[in-house]
Amino acid sequence: MKEQAHFWRHPAVPGTDLLKARYVTHRFTRHVHDGYAIGLIVGGVEEFDYRGTLHRAGAGELVLVNPDASHTGQAGTPDGWSYRMLYPSIDALAGIAAELGTPYGTPHFPEQVVRDDAVAALLGRAHQAAERGDALAASTLSRTLFARLLSRHATVRPAALVPAEGRRAVREALDLLHDSLVDPPTLEDLADAVGARPFALLRAFKAATGLPPHAYLTSLRVRRARHLLQTGVRPAQVAAEVGFTDQAHLNRHFKRIVGVPPAAYQRAGTYKTGDFPTT
């Protein structure tokens, strides 16, 4: 019933982070990633809401989360779940997709939970090699894993079902939020700036991103915080620079989205309340 999470950066594949964790009471708040989240459930059951649909993933199953797709994450059984996750960037997977000769576009996984024992075994080996710091094996196995996932389980991302005018307003609103992390506008001011009515913008924004603007802003702040932490900025300073009221505010939201506290993420080390189970 104890929790542990170990977060680190891939030793050989740029733009890819890794997580090995067991969670019991921890709950991921609704959030988005700017890249993919690809994982193997090692034990227990994870339950997560993905764009309004509830999924359950058990031991041996793969979890496939697309970029900018809103989702949650929590235990699906009282004993929680353990998993190994990779977080490759869009560029990393798009580059492999291009080498495979797939149609131009962003790779998209239409199914969020799949059973593929061969790919699951490959993910486990790739993840373990990265954990050992074996750069050659980790890069070879990880790229083979991504190619296998793309060829077996990916398509090209479909166009968002949002009218053209709504897409324009959302795109402009996103740009404004990116530039206003510390002092964001109200919904009314945001709508006025992009030439839309508040409720119409809110509806289009949620349709395009899966989140209302204030929740998306939190994800943006955490995304920026990760970059600053990687460059060595102290967590207290990071909190101020991305718009959180204080370090405790940063800690709370960061752990709900990333799964480890900012300090553990910065040292790419281990956060634990107990021993990771043997599975």
C-alpha atoms as a PDB file:
ATOM      1  CA  MET A   1       0.000   0.000   0.000  1.00  0.00           C
ATOM      2  CA  LYS A   2       3.050   2.280  -0.270  1.00  0.00           C
ATOM      3  CA  GLU A   3       3.828   4.657  -3.102  1.00  0.00           C
ATOM      4  CA  GLN A   4       6.974   5.483  -4.999  1.00  0.00           C
ATOM      5  CA  ALA A   5       7.750   7.357  -8.199  1.00  0.00           C
ATOM      6  CA  HIS A   6      11.039   7.673 -10.066  1.00  0.00           C
ATOM      7  CA  PHE A   7      11.182  10.240 -12.888  1.00  0.00           C
ATOM      8  CA  TRP A   8      14.178  10.712 -15.177  1.00  0.00           C
ATOM      9  CA  ARG A   9      15.200  11.756 -18.654  1.00  0.00           C
ATOM     10  CA  HIS A  10      15.999   9.242 -21.362  1.00  0.00           C
ATOM     11  CA  PRO A  11      19.760   8.700 -21.665  1.00  0.00           C
ATOM     12  CA  ALA A  12      19.750   8.599 -25.476  1.00  0.00           C
ATOM     13  CA  VAL A  13      16.435   9.678 -27.038  1.00  0.00           C
ATOM     14  CA  PRO A  14      16.082  13.495 -26.985  1.00  0.00           C
ATOM     15  CA  GLY A  15      12.800  14.920 -25.778  1.00  0.00           C
ATOM     16  CA  THR A  16      11.754  11.758 -23.929  1.00  0.00           C
ATOM     17  CA  ASP A  17      11.121  11.435 -20.189  1.00  0.00           C
ATOM     18  CA  LEU A  18      10.443   8.262 -18.236  1.00  0.00           C
ATOM     19  CA  LEU A  19       8.495   7.385 -15.109  1.00  0.00           C
ATOM     20  CA  LYS A  20       8.438   4.226 -13.023  1.00  0.00           C
ATOM     21  CA  ALA A  21       5.829   4.417 -10.295  1.00  0.00           C
ATOM     22  CA  ARG A  22       3.400   2.749  -7.976  1.00  0.00           C
ATOM     23  CA  TYR A  23       0.420   4.801  -6.848  1.00  0.00           C
ATOM     24  CA  VAL A  24      -2.375   3.965  -4.445  1.00  0.00           C
ATOM     25  CA  THR A  25      -4.031   7.185  -3.270  1.00  0.00           C
ATOM     26  CA  HIS A  26      -2.414   9.612  -5.705  1.00  0.00           C
ATOM     27  CA  ARG A  27      -4.765  11.067  -8.300  1.00  0.00           C
ATOM     28  CA  PHE A  28      -3.702  12.910 -11.445  1.00  0.00           C
ATOM     29  CA  THR A  29      -5.861  15.959 -11.993  1.00  0.00           C
ATOM     30  CA  ARG A  30      -7.272  16.536 -15.470  1.00  0.00           C
ATOM     31  CA  HIS A  31      -4.411  17.772 -17.635  1.00  0.00           C
ATOM     32  CA  VAL A  32      -2.752  17.558 -21.047  1.00  0.00           C
ATOM     33  CA  HIS A  33       0.758  16.732 -22.267  1.00  0.00           C
ATOM     34  CA  ASP A  34       2.548  18.514 -25.078  1.00  0.00           C
ATOM     35  CA  GLY A  35       3.847  15.108 -26.199  1.00  0.00           C
ATOM     36  CA  TYR A  36       2.707  11.495 -25.883  1.00  0.00           C
ATOM     37  CA  ALA A  37       2.271   9.379 -22.758  1.00  0.00           C
ATOM     38  CA  ILE A  38       2.934   5.703 -23.488  1.00  0.00           C
ATOM     39  CA  GLY A  39       2.966   3.147 -20.729  1.00  0.00           C
ATOM     40  CA  LEU A  40       2.754  -0.449 -19.573  1.00  0.00           C
ATOM     41  CA  ILE A  41       0.694  -1.412 -16.549  1.00  0.00           C
ATOM     42  CA  VAL A  42       2.932  -3.699 -14.496  1.00  0.00           C
ATOM     43  CA  GLY A  43       0.469  -4.490 -11.724  1.00  0.00           C
ATOM     44  CA  GLY A  44      -2.963  -3.491 -10.458  1.00  0.00           C
ATOM     45  CA  VAL A  45      -5.403  -1.347 -12.431  1.00  0.00           C
ATOM     46  CA  GLU A  46      -5.234   2.260 -13.537  1.00  0.00           C
ATOM     47  CA  GLU A  47      -8.458   4.099 -14.247  1.00  0.00           C
ATOM     48  CA  PHE A  48      -8.486   7.303 -16.245  1.00  0.00           C
ATOM     49  CA  ASP A  49     -10.949   9.590 -17.941  1.00  0.00           C
ATOM     50  CA  TYR A  50      -9.810  10.435 -21.461  1.00  0.00           C
ATOM     51  CA  ARG A  51     -11.759  13.200 -23.176  1.00  0.00           C
ATOM     52  CA  GLY A  52     -14.915  12.222 -21.322  1.00  0.00           C
ATOM     53  CA  THR A  53     -14.608   8.428 -21.671  1.00  0.00           C
ATOM     54  CA  LEU A  54     -13.610   6.278 -18.694  1.00  0.00           C
ATOM     55  CA  HIS A  55     -10.910   3.650 -19.348  1.00  0.00           C
ATOM     56  CA  ARG A  56      -9.440   0.893 -17.189  1.00  0.00           C
ATOM     57  CA  ALA A  57      -6.038  -0.650 -17.875  1.00  0.00           C
ATOM     58  CA  GLY A  58      -4.829  -3.782 -16.113  1.00  0.00           C
ATOM     59  CA  ALA A  59      -1.545  -5.628 -15.838  1.00  0.00           C
ATOM     60  CA  GLY A  60       0.062  -6.291 -19.212  1.00  0.00           C
ATOM     61  CA  GLU A  61      -1.990  -3.670 -21.068  1.00  0.00           C
ATOM     62  CA  LEU A  62      -0.636  -0.608 -22.835  1.00  0.00           C
ATOM     63  CA  VAL A  63      -1.857   2.944 -22.193  1.00  0.00           C
ATOM     64  CA  LEU A  64      -1.624   5.351 -25.147  1.00  0.00           C
ATOM     65  CA  VAL A  65      -2.337   9.063 -24.558  1.00  0.00           C
ATOM     66  CA  ASN A  66      -2.115  11.560 -27.425  1.00  0.00           C
ATOM     67  CA  PRO A  67      -0.689  15.088 -27.175  1.00  0.00           C
ATOM     68  CA  ASP A  68      -3.035  17.791 -25.881  1.00  0.00           C
ATOM     69  CA  ALA A  69      -5.697  15.206 -24.972  1.00  0.00           C
ATOM     70  CA  SER A  70      -7.211  15.920 -21.563  1.00  0.00           C
ATOM     71  CA  HIS A  71      -7.146  13.006 -19.133  1.00  0.00           C
ATOM     72  CA  THR A  72      -6.997  12.077 -15.469  1.00  0.00           C
ATOM     73  CA  GLY A  73      -5.470   9.087 -13.657  1.00  0.00           C
ATOM     74  CA  GLN A  74      -6.212   7.199 -10.447  1.00  0.00           C
ATOM     75  CA  ALA A  75      -6.268   3.734  -8.927  1.00  0.00           C
ATOM     76  CA  GLY A  76      -8.873   1.373 -10.336  1.00  0.00           C
ATOM     77  CA  THR A  77      -8.617  -0.998  -7.354  1.00  0.00           C
ATOM     78  CA  PRO A  78      -7.915  -0.420  -3.636  1.00  0.00           C
ATOM     79  CA  ASP A  79      -4.347  -1.717  -4.059  1.00  0.00           C
ATOM     80  CA  GLY A  80      -3.533   0.889  -6.705  1.00  0.00           C
ATOM     81  CA  TRP A  81      -1.388   0.312  -9.771  1.00  0.00           C
ATOM     82  CA  SER A  82       2.224   0.257 -10.884  1.00  0.00           C
ATOM     83  CA  TYR A  83       3.478   1.153 -14.351  1.00  0.00           C
ATOM     84  CA  ARG A  84       6.355   2.149 -16.582  1.00  0.00           C
ATOM     85  CA  MET A  85       5.777   5.253 -18.708  1.00  0.00           C
ATOM     86  CA  LEU A  86       7.599   6.958 -21.592  1.00  0.00           C
ATOM     87  CA  TYR A  87       6.830  10.532 -22.639  1.00  0.00           C
ATOM     88  CA  PRO A  88       8.230  11.062 -26.167  1.00  0.00           C
ATOM     89  CA  SER A  89       7.828  14.405 -27.912  1.00  0.00           C
ATOM     90  CA  ILE A  90       5.692  14.879 -31.011  1.00  0.00           C
ATOM     91  CA  ASP A  91       8.867  15.429 -33.042  1.00  0.00           C
ATOM     92  CA  ALA A  92      10.327  12.123 -31.867  1.00  0.00           C
ATOM     93  CA  LEU A  93       7.337  10.060 -33.006  1.00  0.00           C
ATOM     94  CA  ALA A  94       6.670  12.134 -36.121  1.00  0.00           C
ATOM     95  CA  GLY A  95      10.261  11.594 -37.219  1.00  0.00           C
ATOM     96  CA  ILE A  96       9.980   7.838 -36.820  1.00  0.00           C
ATOM     97  CA  ALA A  97       6.628   7.865 -38.612  1.00  0.00           C
ATOM     98  CA  ALA A  98       8.237   9.697 -41.542  1.00  0.00           C
ATOM     99  CA  GLU A  99      10.993   7.089 -41.724  1.00  0.00           C
ATOM    100  CA  LEU A 100       8.311   4.393 -41.849  1.00  0.00           C
ATOM    101  CA  GLY A 101       6.703   6.135 -44.835  1.00  0.00           C
ATOM    102  CA  THR A 102       3.379   6.812 -43.149  1.00  0.00           C
ATOM    103  CA  PRO A 103       1.091   9.571 -44.480  1.00  0.00           C
ATOM    104  CA  TYR A 104       2.070  13.110 -43.537  1.00  0.00           C
ATOM    105  CA  GLY A 105       0.540  14.301 -40.284  1.00  0.00           C
ATOM    106  CA  THR A 106       0.781  13.926 -36.518  1.00  0.00           C
ATOM    107  CA  PRO A 107       0.627  10.279 -35.385  1.00  0.00           C
ATOM    108  CA  HIS A 108      -2.535   9.538 -33.436  1.00  0.00           C
ATOM    109  CA  PHE A 109      -3.508   6.553 -31.280  1.00  0.00           C
ATOM    110  CA  PRO A 110      -7.260   5.939 -31.679  1.00  0.00           C
ATOM    111  CA  GLU A 111      -7.378   3.345 -28.861  1.00  0.00           C
ATOM    112  CA  GLN A 112      -6.178   4.360 -25.412  1.00  0.00           C
ATOM    113  CA  VAL A 113      -5.908   0.877 -23.885  1.00  0.00           C
ATOM    114  CA  VAL A 114      -4.602  -2.001 -25.994  1.00  0.00           C
ATOM    115  CA  ARG A 115      -3.419  -5.556 -25.391  1.00  0.00           C
ATOM    116  CA  ASP A 116      -0.298  -6.360 -27.392  1.00  0.00           C
ATOM    117  CA  ASP A 117       1.969  -8.745 -25.512  1.00  0.00           C
ATOM    118  CA  ALA A 118       4.896  -8.435 -27.931  1.00  0.00           C
ATOM    119  CA  VAL A 119       4.936  -4.636 -27.766  1.00  0.00           C
ATOM    120  CA  ALA A 120       4.418  -4.731 -23.992  1.00  0.00           C
ATOM    121  CA  ALA A 121       7.484  -6.939 -23.597  1.00  0.00           C
ATOM    122  CA  LEU A 122       9.477  -4.594 -25.842  1.00  0.00           C
ATOM    123  CA  LEU A 123       8.406  -1.575 -23.793  1.00  0.00           C
ATOM    124  CA  GLY A 124       9.519  -3.304 -20.614  1.00  0.00           C
ATOM    125  CA  ARG A 125      12.961  -4.064 -22.053  1.00  0.00           C
ATOM    126  CA  ALA A 126      13.377  -0.534 -23.439  1.00  0.00           C
ATOM    127  CA  HIS A 127      12.361   1.024 -20.131  1.00  0.00           C
ATOM    128  CA  GLN A 128      14.684  -1.185 -18.100  1.00  0.00           C
ATOM    129  CA  ALA A 129      17.618  -0.402 -20.410  1.00  0.00           C
ATOM    130  CA  ALA A 130      16.951   3.313 -19.940  1.00  0.00           C
ATOM    131  CA  GLU A 131      16.753   2.799 -16.181  1.00  0.00           C
ATOM    132  CA  ARG A 132      20.185   1.111 -16.232  1.00  0.00           C
ATOM    133  CA  GLY A 133      21.605   3.980 -18.262  1.00  0.00           C
ATOM    134  CA  ASP A 134      22.534   1.680 -21.149  1.00  0.00           C
ATOM    135  CA  ALA A 135      22.344   4.326 -23.871  1.00  0.00           C
ATOM    136  CA  LEU A 136      22.892   2.044 -26.862  1.00  0.00           C
ATOM    137  CA  ALA A 137      20.368  -0.586 -25.807  1.00  0.00           C
ATOM    138  CA  ALA A 138      17.890   2.022 -24.570  1.00  0.00           C
ATOM    139  CA  SER A 139      17.979   4.038 -27.793  1.00  0.00           C
ATOM    140  CA  THR A 140      17.756   0.938 -29.994  1.00  0.00           C
ATOM    141  CA  LEU A 141      14.913  -0.645 -28.044  1.00  0.00           C
ATOM    142  CA  SER A 142      13.002   2.632 -27.578  1.00  0.00           C
ATOM    143  CA  ARG A 143      13.077   3.518 -31.265  1.00  0.00           C
ATOM    144  CA  THR A 144      12.080  -0.042 -32.153  1.00  0.00           C
ATOM    145  CA  LEU A 145       9.242   0.228 -29.647  1.00  0.00           C
ATOM    146  CA  PHE A 146       7.973   3.503 -31.113  1.00  0.00           C
ATOM    147  CA  ALA A 147       8.141   2.122 -34.656  1.00  0.00           C
ATOM    148  CA  ARG A 148       6.211  -0.986 -33.620  1.00  0.00           C
ATOM    149  CA  LEU A 149       3.555   1.096 -31.851  1.00  0.00           C
ATOM    150  CA  LEU A 150       3.137   3.371 -34.861  1.00  0.00           C
ATOM    151  CA  SER A 151       2.864   0.526 -37.351  1.00  0.00           C
ATOM    152  CA  ARG A 152       0.413  -1.496 -35.258  1.00  0.00           C
ATOM    153  CA  HIS A 153      -1.690   1.017 -33.384  1.00  0.00           C
ATOM    154  CA  ALA A 154      -1.439   4.535 -34.872  1.00  0.00           C
ATOM    155  CA  THR A 155      -3.240   6.508 -37.545  1.00  0.00           C
ATOM    156  CA  VAL A 156      -2.938  10.167 -38.599  1.00  0.00           C
ATOM    157  CA  ARG A 157      -4.694  12.571 -36.261  1.00  0.00           C
ATOM    158  CA  PRO A 158      -8.168  13.508 -37.516  1.00  0.00           C
ATOM    159  CA  ALA A 159      -9.093  17.155 -37.872  1.00  0.00           C
ATOM    160  CA  ALA A 160     -10.708  18.709 -34.830  1.00  0.00           C
ATOM    161  CA  LEU A 161     -14.478  18.963 -35.058  1.00  0.00           C
ATOM    162  CA  VAL A 162     -14.529  22.692 -34.384  1.00  0.00           C
ATOM    163  CA  PRO A 163     -15.800  25.309 -36.891  1.00  0.00           C
ATOM    164  CA  ALA A 164     -13.120  27.377 -38.606  1.00  0.00           C
ATOM    165  CA  GLU A 165     -14.019  30.559 -36.733  1.00  0.00           C
ATOM    166  CA  GLY A 166     -13.916  28.678 -33.424  1.00  0.00           C
ATOM    167  CA  ARG A 167     -10.505  27.218 -34.282  1.00  0.00           C
ATOM    168  CA  ARG A 168      -9.192  30.699 -35.018  1.00  0.00           C
ATOM    169  CA  ALA A 169     -10.479  32.062 -31.708  1.00  0.00           C
ATOM    170  CA  VAL A 170      -9.040  29.112 -29.769  1.00  0.00           C
ATOM    171  CA  ARG A 171      -5.671  29.412 -31.512  1.00  0.00           C
ATOM    172  CA  GLU A 172      -5.468  33.109 -30.642  1.00  0.00           C
ATOM    173  CA  ALA A 173      -6.643  32.438 -27.089  1.00  0.00           C
ATOM    174  CA  LEU A 174      -3.930  29.802 -26.662  1.00  0.00           C
ATOM    175  CA  ASP A 175      -1.305  32.265 -27.846  1.00  0.00           C
ATOM    176  CA  LEU A 176      -2.519  34.808 -25.302  1.00  0.00           C
ATOM    177  CA  LEU A 177      -2.457  32.256 -22.470  1.00  0.00           C
ATOM    178  CA  HIS A 178       1.083  31.236 -23.401  1.00  0.00           C
ATOM    179  CA  ASP A 179       2.100  34.887 -23.078  1.00  0.00           C
ATOM    180  CA  SER A 180       0.136  35.550 -19.854  1.00  0.00           C
ATOM    181  CA  LEU A 181       1.144  32.850 -17.388  1.00  0.00           C
ATOM    182  CA  VAL A 182       1.744  35.263 -14.524  1.00  0.00           C
ATOM    183  CA  ASP A 183      -1.144  37.664 -15.133  1.00  0.00           C
ATOM    184  CA  PRO A 184      -3.800  35.840 -17.189  1.00  0.00           C
ATOM    185  CA  PRO A 185      -6.926  37.607 -18.480  1.00  0.00           C
ATOM    186  CA  THR A 186     -10.438  36.817 -17.335  1.00  0.00           C
ATOM    187  CA  LEU A 187     -12.607  34.724 -19.643  1.00  0.00           C
ATOM    188  CA  GLU A 188     -14.421  37.901 -20.651  1.00  0.00           C
ATOM    189  CA  ASP A 189     -11.178  39.719 -21.458  1.00  0.00           C
ATOM    190  CA  LEU A 190      -9.838  36.683 -23.307  1.00  0.00           C
ATOM    191  CA  ALA A 191     -12.989  36.466 -25.412  1.00  0.00           C
ATOM    192  CA  ASP A 192     -12.924  40.179 -26.142  1.00  0.00           C
ATOM    193  CA  ALA A 193      -9.273  39.968 -27.239  1.00  0.00           C
ATOM    194  CA  VAL A 194     -10.020  37.245 -29.800  1.00  0.00           C
ATOM    195  CA  GLY A 195     -13.335  38.721 -30.977  1.00  0.00           C
ATOM    196  CA  ALA A 196     -15.641  36.063 -29.526  1.00  0.00           C
ATOM    197  CA  ARG A 197     -18.396  35.848 -26.960  1.00  0.00           C
ATOM    198  CA  PRO A 198     -17.298  34.317 -23.622  1.00  0.00           C
ATOM    199  CA  PHE A 199     -19.562  31.262 -23.687  1.00  0.00           C
ATOM    200  CA  ALA A 200     -18.882  30.589 -27.375  1.00  0.00           C
ATOM    201  CA  LEU A 201     -15.125  30.740 -26.729  1.00  0.00           C
ATOM    202  CA  LEU A 202     -15.434  28.484 -23.683  1.00  0.00           C
ATOM    203  CA  ARG A 203     -17.393  25.904 -25.685  1.00  0.00           C
ATOM    204  CA  ALA A 204     -14.933  25.979 -28.621  1.00  0.00           C
ATOM    205  CA  PHE A 205     -11.939  25.892 -26.280  1.00  0.00           C
ATOM    206  CA  LYS A 206     -13.202  22.804 -24.457  1.00  0.00           C
ATOM    207  CA  ALA A 207     -14.053  21.102 -27.743  1.00  0.00           C
ATOM    208  CA  ALA A 208     -10.542  21.739 -29.085  1.00  0.00           C
ATOM    209  CA  THR A 209      -8.475  21.039 -25.961  1.00  0.00           C
ATOM    210  CA  GLY A 210     -10.721  19.049 -23.638  1.00  0.00           C
ATOM    211  CA  LEU A 211     -10.171  21.625 -20.891  1.00  0.00           C
ATOM    212  CA  PRO A 212     -11.580  25.024 -19.944  1.00  0.00           C
ATOM    213  CA  PRO A 213      -9.062  27.885 -20.231  1.00  0.00           C
ATOM    214  CA  HIS A 214      -8.207  28.042 -16.519  1.00  0.00           C
ATOM    215  CA  ALA A 215      -7.345  24.309 -16.362  1.00  0.00           C
ATOM    216  CA  TYR A 216      -5.355  24.534 -19.585  1.00  0.00           C
ATOM    217  CA  LEU A 217      -3.455  27.472 -18.088  1.00  0.00           C
ATOM    218  CA  THR A 218      -2.437  25.269 -15.151  1.00  0.00           C
ATOM    219  CA  SER A 219      -1.062  22.682 -17.577  1.00  0.00           C
ATOM    220  CA  LEU A 220       0.848  25.440 -19.388  1.00  0.00           C
ATOM    221  CA  ARG A 221       2.313  26.665 -16.106  1.00  0.00           C
ATOM    222  CA  VAL A 222       3.451  23.169 -15.154  1.00  0.00           C
ATOM    223  CA  ARG A 223       4.906  22.665 -18.651  1.00  0.00           C
ATOM    224  CA  ARG A 224       6.913  25.894 -18.293  1.00  0.00           C
ATOM    225  CA  ALA A 225       7.908  24.931 -14.758  1.00  0.00           C
ATOM    226  CA  ARG A 226       9.361  21.655 -16.036  1.00  0.00           C
ATOM    227  CA  HIS A 227      11.544  23.541 -18.512  1.00  0.00           C
ATOM    228  CA  LEU A 228      12.794  25.941 -15.841  1.00  0.00           C
ATOM    229  CA  LEU A 229      13.505  23.151 -13.385  1.00  0.00           C
ATOM    230  CA  GLN A 230      15.541  21.346 -16.036  1.00  0.00           C
ATOM    231  CA  THR A 231      17.712  24.440 -16.403  1.00  0.00           C
ATOM    232  CA  GLY A 232      18.411  24.516 -12.654  1.00  0.00           C
ATOM    233  CA  VAL A 233      16.066  27.299 -11.482  1.00  0.00           C
ATOM    234  CA  ARG A 234      15.077  26.835  -7.830  1.00  0.00           C
ATOM    235  CA  PRO A 235      11.461  25.677  -7.269  1.00  0.00           C
ATOM    236  CA  ALA A 236      10.558  28.797  -5.270  1.00  0.00           C
ATOM    237  CA  GLN A 237      11.712  31.029  -8.125  1.00  0.00           C
ATOM    238  CA  VAL A 238       9.981  28.785 -10.665  1.00  0.00           C
ATOM    239  CA  ALA A 239       6.689  29.212  -8.818  1.00  0.00           C
ATOM    240  CA  ALA A 240       6.901  32.984  -9.138  1.00  0.00           C
ATOM    241  CA  GLU A 241       8.017  32.934 -12.773  1.00  0.00           C
ATOM    242  CA  VAL A 242       5.149  30.753 -14.009  1.00  0.00           C
ATOM    243  CA  GLY A 243       2.364  32.402 -12.016  1.00  0.00           C
ATOM    244  CA  PHE A 244       1.755  30.156  -9.004  1.00  0.00           C
ATOM    245  CA  THR A 245       1.126  32.022  -5.760  1.00  0.00           C
ATOM    246  CA  ASP A 246       3.946  30.247  -3.892  1.00  0.00           C
ATOM    247  CA  GLN A 247       6.029  27.077  -3.865  1.00  0.00           C
ATOM    248  CA  ALA A 248       3.313  25.082  -2.103  1.00  0.00           C
ATOM    249  CA  HIS A 249       0.892  26.024  -4.896  1.00  0.00           C
ATOM    250  CA  LEU A 250       3.453  24.855  -7.489  1.00  0.00           C
ATOM    251  CA  ASN A 251       4.107  21.623  -5.572  1.00  0.00           C
ATOM    252  CA  ARG A 252       0.426  20.734  -5.394  1.00  0.00           C
ATOM    253  CA  HIS A 253      -0.338  21.219  -9.082  1.00  0.00           C
ATOM    254  CA  PHE A 254       2.999  19.862 -10.306  1.00  0.00           C
ATOM    255  CA  LYS A 255       2.586  16.539  -8.494  1.00  0.00           C
ATOM    256  CA  ARG A 256      -1.032  16.218  -9.642  1.00  0.00           C
ATOM    257  CA  ILE A 257       0.081  16.489 -13.267  1.00  0.00           C
ATOM    258  CA  VAL A 258       3.633  15.080 -13.388  1.00  0.00           C
ATOM    259  CA  GLY A 259       3.382  12.535 -10.576  1.00  0.00           C
ATOM    260  CA  VAL A 260       6.423  13.691  -8.582  1.00  0.00           C
ATOM    261  CA  PRO A 261       7.197  16.948  -6.713  1.00  0.00           C
ATOM    262  CA  PRO A 262       9.228  19.670  -8.457  1.00  0.00           C
ATOM    263  CA  ALA A 263      12.399  19.008  -6.434  1.00  0.00           C
ATOM    264  CA  ALA A 264      12.378  15.301  -7.332  1.00  0.00           C
ATOM    265  CA  TYR A 265      11.747  16.151 -10.968  1.00  0.00           C
ATOM    266  CA  GLN A 266      14.622  18.628 -10.977  1.00  0.00           C
ATOM    267  CA  ARG A 267      17.148  16.100  -9.773  1.00  0.00           C
ATOM    268  CA  ALA A 268      15.512  13.410 -11.967  1.00  0.00           C
ATOM    269  CA  GLY A 269      15.514  11.301  -8.856  1.00  0.00           C
ATOM    270  CA  THR A 270      13.174   9.289  -6.699  1.00  0.00           C
ATOM    271  CA  TYR A 271      10.185  10.401  -4.667  1.00  0.00           C
ATOM    272  CA  LYS A 272       8.890   7.697  -2.369  1.00  0.00           C
ATOM    273  CA  THR A 273       6.761   6.955   0.641  1.00  0.00           C
ATOM    274  CA  GLY A 274       7.820   3.313   0.602  1.00  0.00           C
ATOM    275  CA  ASP A 275       9.457   0.619  -1.416  1.00  0.00           C
ATOM    276  CA  PHE A 276       8.492  -0.008  -5.014  1.00  0.00           C
ATOM    277  CA  PRO A 277       6.805  -3.414  -5.177  1.00  0.00           C
ATOM    278  CA  THR A 278       8.428  -6.361  -6.863  1.00  0.00           C
ATOM    279  CA  THR A 279       6.311  -7.335  -9.882  1.00  0.00           C
END
